[in-house]
Structures are given as C-alpha cells and as structure tokens.
Amino acid sequence: MASRPMSNYEIRREGWAALTERLGIAGAIRFMMQYDAGYGDYTKERHELLAGLDLDEALRQMREPSR
C-alpha cells in the first residue's frame, strides 16, 4: 500500500500522536527532551576529520580491533 506524501506539519502531528499513544504524554515529553539541535558545522568538521582519508584506509581502520 503506497502512502501519500505528508507535509512537515502532518509528519509532526502524526509523530506526536504515535509517541503519545505508545508512551503516554509524560513519556513522549521525556523522549522529546532528549533531542536538541546541537551546534557546530558537521559538514565542515567531517571534511576536516576525513581530509586525506581514502576508502582503503577507512576500511582498514574499521576492521582494526578497538583498543
């Protein structure tokens, strides 16, 4: 079954309804309080962090056991 596209308002409304149905008002509020907009420029920081890192090196580092 295909769903119709929803506006941002509809997404927020349906999301809040789902949260309150499953968690109750207090639980939904506690859930929402765990999120914030954050700070900084993730894109810039990611480019700086990964500068010069090629795919082979990234894969090698991911396969290394954690220390």
Protein backbone atom coordinates (compact mmCIF):
# COMPACT_ATOMS: atom_id res chain seq x y z
CA MET A 1 0.00 0.00 0.00
CA ALA A 2 1.54 3.31 -1.09
CA SER A 3 1.23 6.25 1.26
CA ARG A 4 0.69 9.80 0.16
CA PRO A 5 3.39 12.38 0.78
CA MET A 6 2.79 14.33 4.00
CA SER A 7 3.67 17.92 4.82
CA ASN A 8 6.13 18.67 7.63
CA TYR A 9 3.18 19.71 9.80
CA GLU A 10 1.42 16.39 9.16
CA ILE A 11 4.61 14.45 9.96
CA ARG A 12 4.96 16.28 13.29
CA ARG A 13 1.27 15.79 14.10
CA GLU A 14 1.34 12.06 13.30
CA GLY A 15 4.67 11.59 15.06
CA TRP A 16 3.37 13.21 18.24
CA ALA A 17 0.22 11.09 18.06
CA ALA A 18 2.31 7.92 17.73
CA LEU A 19 4.58 8.91 20.62
CA THR A 20 1.74 9.78 22.97
CA GLU A 21 -0.20 6.65 22.04
CA ARG A 22 2.76 4.41 22.76
CA LEU A 23 4.50 6.28 25.61
CA GLY A 24 1.77 8.47 27.10
CA ILE A 25 2.12 12.24 27.42
CA ALA A 26 4.84 12.15 30.09
CA GLY A 27 6.87 9.54 28.23
CA ALA A 28 6.55 11.41 24.93
CA ILE A 29 7.74 14.63 26.59
CA ARG A 30 10.70 12.80 28.18
CA PHE A 31 11.55 11.33 24.77
CA MET A 32 11.42 14.73 23.06
CA MET A 33 13.57 16.35 25.77
CA GLN A 34 16.44 14.03 24.85
CA TYR A 35 16.89 15.77 21.49
CA ASP A 36 18.42 19.13 20.74
CA ALA A 37 19.54 20.92 17.62
CA GLY A 38 23.20 20.55 18.54
CA TYR A 39 25.83 23.02 17.49
CA GLY A 40 28.71 23.46 15.08
CA ASP A 41 29.06 22.71 11.40
CA TYR A 42 29.00 18.94 10.94
CA THR A 43 29.83 19.12 7.23
CA LYS A 44 32.92 21.26 7.79
CA GLU A 45 34.08 19.13 10.72
CA ARG A 46 33.58 15.92 8.73
CA HIS A 47 35.64 17.26 5.83
CA GLU A 48 38.43 18.25 8.22
CA LEU A 49 38.31 14.94 10.07
CA LEU A 50 38.36 12.83 6.92
CA ALA A 51 40.75 15.00 4.87
CA GLY A 52 43.20 12.78 3.03
CA LEU A 53 41.49 9.56 4.11
CA ASP A 54 40.86 7.27 1.17
CA LEU A 55 38.42 4.36 1.06
CA ASP A 56 41.05 1.65 1.55
CA GLU A 57 42.43 3.34 4.68
CA ALA A 58 38.93 3.92 6.07
CA LEU A 59 38.08 0.24 5.58
CA ARG A 60 41.37 -0.83 7.19
CA GLN A 61 40.67 1.34 10.23
CA MET A 62 37.13 0.00 10.57
CA ARG A 63 38.42 -3.58 10.55
CA GLU A 64 41.04 -2.94 13.25
CA PRO A 65 40.06 -4.21 16.67
CA SER A 66 39.23 -1.42 19.12
CA ARG A 67 41.89 -0.63 21.66
